[in-house]
């Protein structure tokens, strides 16, 4: 009895073993075998890096071919200069019949030491309209005027309006801003000896300060930094003054 009862479990165990041994082994697919190789992932990283480098090279090549590009001028600064240059045309004639004038008494006694940055000008002229400060180049969105004899001179209001800024800045010397009708604002920097204060109503031709210098442009002689804004965007003042003549 005992011998017969012991045979049955052993046969069942042997039967299970035979079944397990006869089942085919699970083999990895071709894709898994490929991924298991040590060189696959390093090669994939290198390929991805090559693609990224190629895209960056293509983008840099495109920007360098831009006819408006200037050495030392970043893409953001180029866009800012273009926006200022392409701002909506400001009218040269105010509601009271005034026309924009230069902020000096006699323009024939003056010279332009740093011109307004014109994105459509030749490369040499655009390079002359760049300002370097702390190893950074920026487009000069104003006109800097100085006397030919390098002497000091009175700075005049280019249009009648209300003084909204009159004080010292960290890098631009003393500054005056005057608001005018039709969204125009005139900005005067590198000043000394201010004659006006915020809230003053100014007539065209009034003396608002004396010409001076600034930390931003220390290499320049005594001058006035004159900027015109049309609804917040810089406009070449010479275009408005010429249009008024």
Protein backbone atom coordinates (compact mmCIF):
# COMPACT_ATOMS: atom_id res chain seq x y z
CA UNK A 1 0.00 0.00 0.00
CA UNK A 2 2.72 2.40 0.92
CA UNK A 3 4.72 1.64 -2.26
CA UNK A 4 1.73 2.27 -4.51
CA UNK A 5 0.80 5.53 -2.80
CA UNK A 6 4.35 6.95 -3.19
CA UNK A 7 4.48 6.31 -6.93
CA UNK A 8 1.65 8.59 -7.90
CA UNK A 9 3.09 11.92 -6.64
CA UNK A 10 6.48 11.09 -8.15
CA UNK A 11 4.94 10.46 -11.56
CA UNK A 12 3.02 13.72 -11.34
CA UNK A 13 6.22 15.56 -10.45
CA UNK A 14 8.07 13.98 -13.35
CA UNK A 15 5.17 14.84 -15.59
CA UNK A 16 5.36 18.51 -14.60
CA UNK A 17 9.09 18.53 -15.21
CA UNK A 18 8.69 17.04 -18.63
CA UNK A 19 6.05 19.60 -19.52
CA UNK A 20 8.19 22.48 -18.25
CA UNK A 21 11.21 21.16 -20.05
CA UNK A 22 9.37 20.72 -23.29
CA UNK A 23 8.01 24.31 -23.41
CA UNK A 24 10.13 26.51 -25.75
CA UNK A 25 12.34 29.21 -24.12
CA UNK A 26 11.18 32.83 -24.55
CA UNK A 27 13.68 34.56 -26.79
CA UNK A 28 14.12 38.39 -27.02
CA UNK A 29 12.77 40.03 -30.14
CA UNK A 30 15.10 41.57 -32.72
CA UNK A 31 14.33 45.12 -31.48
CA UNK A 32 15.15 44.21 -27.87
CA UNK A 33 18.39 42.52 -28.96
CA UNK A 34 19.31 45.68 -30.87
CA UNK A 35 18.65 47.95 -27.89
CA UNK A 36 20.60 45.62 -25.58
CA UNK A 37 23.83 46.33 -27.42
CA UNK A 38 26.15 48.73 -25.54
CA UNK A 39 26.88 51.01 -28.49
CA UNK A 40 23.23 51.83 -29.32
CA UNK A 41 22.52 54.61 -26.79
CA UNK A 42 25.86 56.46 -27.20
CA UNK A 43 25.33 56.41 -30.95
CA UNK A 44 21.80 57.79 -30.53
CA UNK A 45 23.08 60.64 -28.33
CA UNK A 46 25.76 61.51 -30.85
CA UNK A 47 23.24 61.56 -33.69
CA UNK A 48 20.90 63.83 -31.72
CA UNK A 49 23.76 66.18 -30.88
CA UNK A 50 24.77 66.32 -34.54
CA UNK A 51 21.21 67.25 -35.54
CA UNK A 52 21.04 70.04 -32.94
CA UNK A 53 24.42 71.45 -34.02
CA UNK A 54 23.32 71.39 -37.65
CA UNK A 55 20.10 73.29 -36.84
CA UNK A 56 22.02 75.94 -34.86
CA UNK A 57 24.56 76.30 -37.69
CA UNK A 58 21.80 76.74 -40.26
CA UNK A 59 20.11 79.41 -38.11
CA UNK A 60 23.35 81.29 -37.56
CA UNK A 61 24.08 81.17 -41.26
CA UNK A 62 20.71 82.65 -42.05
CA UNK A 63 21.12 85.52 -39.58
CA UNK A 64 24.61 86.35 -40.86
CA UNK A 65 23.19 86.80 -44.33
CA UNK A 66 20.75 89.42 -43.07
CA UNK A 67 21.66 92.65 -44.86
CA UNK A 68 20.59 94.60 -41.77
CA UNK A 69 22.99 92.79 -39.46
CA UNK A 70 25.78 94.81 -37.88
CA UNK A 71 28.81 93.28 -36.12
CA UNK A 72 28.37 93.59 -32.34
CA UNK A 73 24.60 94.17 -32.59
CA UNK A 74 22.52 91.37 -31.11
CA UNK A 75 19.33 90.08 -32.70
CA UNK A 76 17.21 91.70 -29.99
CA UNK A 77 18.93 95.04 -30.51
CA UNK A 78 18.52 94.73 -34.28
CA UNK A 79 14.78 94.20 -33.81
CA UNK A 80 14.58 97.17 -31.47
CA UNK A 81 16.40 99.36 -33.97
CA UNK A 82 14.14 98.18 -36.77
CA UNK A 83 11.04 98.89 -34.69
CA UNK A 84 12.25 102.38 -33.93
CA UNK A 85 13.05 103.01 -37.55
CA UNK A 86 9.75 101.62 -38.80
CA UNK A 87 7.54 103.35 -36.25
CA UNK A 88 4.42 105.08 -37.59
CA UNK A 89 5.33 108.30 -39.36
CA UNK A 90 5.08 111.21 -36.96
CA UNK A 91 3.75 114.50 -38.20
CA UNK A 92 6.24 117.35 -38.29
CA UNK A 93 3.59 120.00 -37.65
CA UNK A 94 1.95 120.41 -34.26
CA UNK A 95 -1.64 121.50 -33.67
CA UNK A 96 -0.40 125.00 -32.77
CA UNK A 97 1.45 125.30 -36.09
CA UNK A 98 4.91 124.63 -34.67
CA UNK A 99 7.38 122.42 -36.47
CA UNK A 100 10.15 120.36 -34.85
CA UNK A 101 13.51 122.14 -34.66
CA UNK A 102 16.97 121.16 -33.49
CA UNK A 103 17.59 121.88 -29.79
CA UNK A 104 20.36 124.39 -30.52
CA UNK A 105 20.51 128.05 -31.49
CA UNK A 106 22.51 127.79 -34.72
CA UNK A 107 22.73 124.41 -36.42
CA UNK A 108 25.49 125.70 -38.72
CA UNK A 109 27.77 125.94 -35.66
CA UNK A 110 27.15 122.29 -34.78
CA UNK A 111 28.41 118.90 -35.86
CA UNK A 112 26.80 115.46 -35.46
CA UNK A 113 29.20 113.34 -33.42
CA UNK A 114 26.96 110.24 -33.21
CA UNK A 115 24.10 109.91 -35.71
CA UNK A 116 20.74 108.19 -35.41
CA UNK A 117 20.84 104.45 -36.20
CA UNK A 118 19.16 103.99 -39.60
CA UNK A 119 18.58 100.31 -40.38
CA UNK A 120 18.47 101.10 -44.12
CA UNK A 121 21.80 102.97 -44.19
CA UNK A 122 25.05 101.46 -45.51
CA UNK A 123 27.04 99.27 -43.12
CA UNK A 124 29.66 101.95 -42.44
CA UNK A 125 27.01 104.48 -41.37
CA UNK A 126 25.27 101.93 -39.18
CA UNK A 127 28.54 101.04 -37.48
CA UNK A 128 29.09 104.75 -36.76
CA UNK A 129 25.68 104.81 -35.05
CA UNK A 130 26.63 102.13 -32.51
CA UNK A 131 27.42 102.88 -28.87
CA UNK A 132 29.57 100.61 -26.71
CA UNK A 133 29.09 100.48 -22.95
CA UNK A 134 30.41 97.76 -20.64
CA UNK A 135 31.51 95.70 -23.67
CA UNK A 136 27.97 95.74 -25.05
CA UNK A 137 26.97 97.40 -28.33
CA UNK A 138 23.61 99.07 -28.80
CA UNK A 139 21.95 101.02 -31.59
CA UNK A 140 22.03 104.78 -31.05
CA UNK A 141 18.39 105.83 -31.38
CA UNK A 142 19.13 109.56 -31.05
CA UNK A 143 21.34 112.31 -32.50
CA UNK A 144 24.29 113.68 -30.54
CA UNK A 145 25.19 117.28 -31.37
CA UNK A 146 28.29 119.26 -30.36
CA UNK A 147 29.75 122.62 -31.29
CA UNK A 148 32.47 122.52 -33.90
CA UNK A 149 34.73 124.40 -31.47
CA UNK A 150 33.87 121.89 -28.67
CA UNK A 151 32.58 124.67 -26.38
CA UNK A 152 29.51 124.44 -24.19
CA UNK A 153 26.16 125.75 -25.44
CA UNK A 154 22.53 126.25 -24.45
CA UNK A 155 20.09 123.40 -25.08
CA UNK A 156 16.69 124.61 -26.30
CA UNK A 157 13.23 123.06 -26.32
CA UNK A 158 12.58 121.58 -29.77
CA UNK A 159 8.80 122.06 -29.36
CA UNK A 160 6.45 123.60 -26.86
CA UNK A 161 5.17 121.21 -24.21
CA UNK A 162 5.18 120.07 -20.59
CA UNK A 163 8.25 118.87 -18.72
CA UNK A 164 7.69 115.33 -17.41
CA UNK A 165 11.29 114.42 -16.46
CA UNK A 166 14.03 116.68 -15.10
CA UNK A 167 16.82 115.11 -13.11
CA UNK A 168 19.98 113.06 -13.02
CA UNK A 169 20.25 109.54 -14.40
CA UNK A 170 22.83 106.84 -13.49
CA UNK A 171 24.64 106.88 -16.85
CA UNK A 172 23.16 109.60 -19.09
CA UNK A 173 23.96 112.69 -17.05
CA UNK A 174 21.09 115.08 -16.43
CA UNK A 175 17.99 114.46 -18.51
CA UNK A 176 14.89 116.42 -19.52
CA UNK A 177 11.81 115.00 -21.23
CA UNK A 178 9.05 117.16 -22.69
CA UNK A 179 5.65 115.89 -23.81
CA UNK A 180 4.01 117.40 -26.88
CA UNK A 181 0.71 116.94 -28.74
CA UNK A 182 0.06 113.97 -31.05
CA UNK A 183 2.08 111.46 -29.00
CA UNK A 184 5.50 113.10 -29.44
CA UNK A 185 8.09 113.28 -26.67
CA UNK A 186 11.50 114.95 -26.96
CA UNK A 187 14.35 113.67 -24.79
CA UNK A 188 17.50 115.65 -23.93
CA UNK A 189 20.43 113.95 -22.16
CA UNK A 190 24.08 114.64 -21.25
CA UNK A 191 22.96 117.94 -19.72
CA UNK A 192 24.21 120.19 -16.95
CA UNK A 193 22.74 123.21 -15.17
CA UNK A 194 19.04 122.38 -15.60
CA UNK A 195 16.77 125.40 -16.05
CA UNK A 196 13.42 123.57 -15.77
CA UNK A 197 11.60 121.22 -13.41
CA UNK A 198 8.82 118.68 -13.73
CA UNK A 199 5.47 120.31 -14.46
CA UNK A 200 6.85 123.39 -16.22
CA UNK A 201 5.10 124.49 -19.40
CA UNK A 202 7.82 125.22 -21.95
CA UNK A 203 7.72 127.26 -25.12
CA UNK A 204 9.64 126.23 -28.21
CA UNK A 205 13.14 127.73 -28.10
CA UNK A 206 13.26 128.14 -24.31
CA UNK A 207 16.62 127.30 -22.71
CA UNK A 208 16.16 124.12 -20.68
CA UNK A 209 19.81 123.35 -19.75
CA UNK A 210 23.45 123.50 -20.85
CA UNK A 211 25.21 120.81 -22.87
CA UNK A 212 27.45 118.45 -20.95
CA UNK A 213 28.75 114.87 -20.90
CA UNK A 214 27.67 111.48 -19.59
CA UNK A 215 29.11 108.25 -18.24
CA UNK A 216 27.56 106.34 -21.14
CA UNK A 217 29.51 108.38 -23.69
CA UNK A 218 32.61 109.62 -21.81
CA UNK A 219 34.72 109.80 -24.97
CA UNK A 220 32.46 112.46 -26.48
CA UNK A 221 33.04 116.20 -26.09
CA UNK A 222 30.42 118.47 -24.56
CA UNK A 223 27.22 117.65 -26.43
CA UNK A 224 23.46 117.10 -26.24
CA UNK A 225 21.89 113.69 -26.78
CA UNK A 226 18.61 114.49 -28.59
CA UNK A 227 15.92 111.84 -29.07
CA UNK A 228 12.37 112.01 -30.44
CA UNK A 229 9.74 109.44 -29.49
CA UNK A 230 6.54 108.88 -31.44
CA UNK A 231 4.10 106.92 -29.26
CA UNK A 232 7.06 105.36 -27.45
CA UNK A 233 9.12 104.48 -30.54
CA UNK A 234 12.27 106.32 -31.59
CA UNK A 235 12.08 108.46 -34.73
CA UNK A 236 14.96 110.00 -36.64
CA UNK A 237 14.58 113.72 -35.80
CA UNK A 238 16.22 114.80 -39.05
CA UNK A 239 13.39 113.21 -41.08
CA UNK A 240 10.78 115.29 -39.23
CA UNK A 241 12.82 118.48 -39.46
CA UNK A 242 13.42 118.01 -43.18
CA UNK A 243 9.72 117.27 -43.72
CA UNK A 244 8.82 120.53 -42.02
CA UNK A 245 10.97 122.62 -44.37
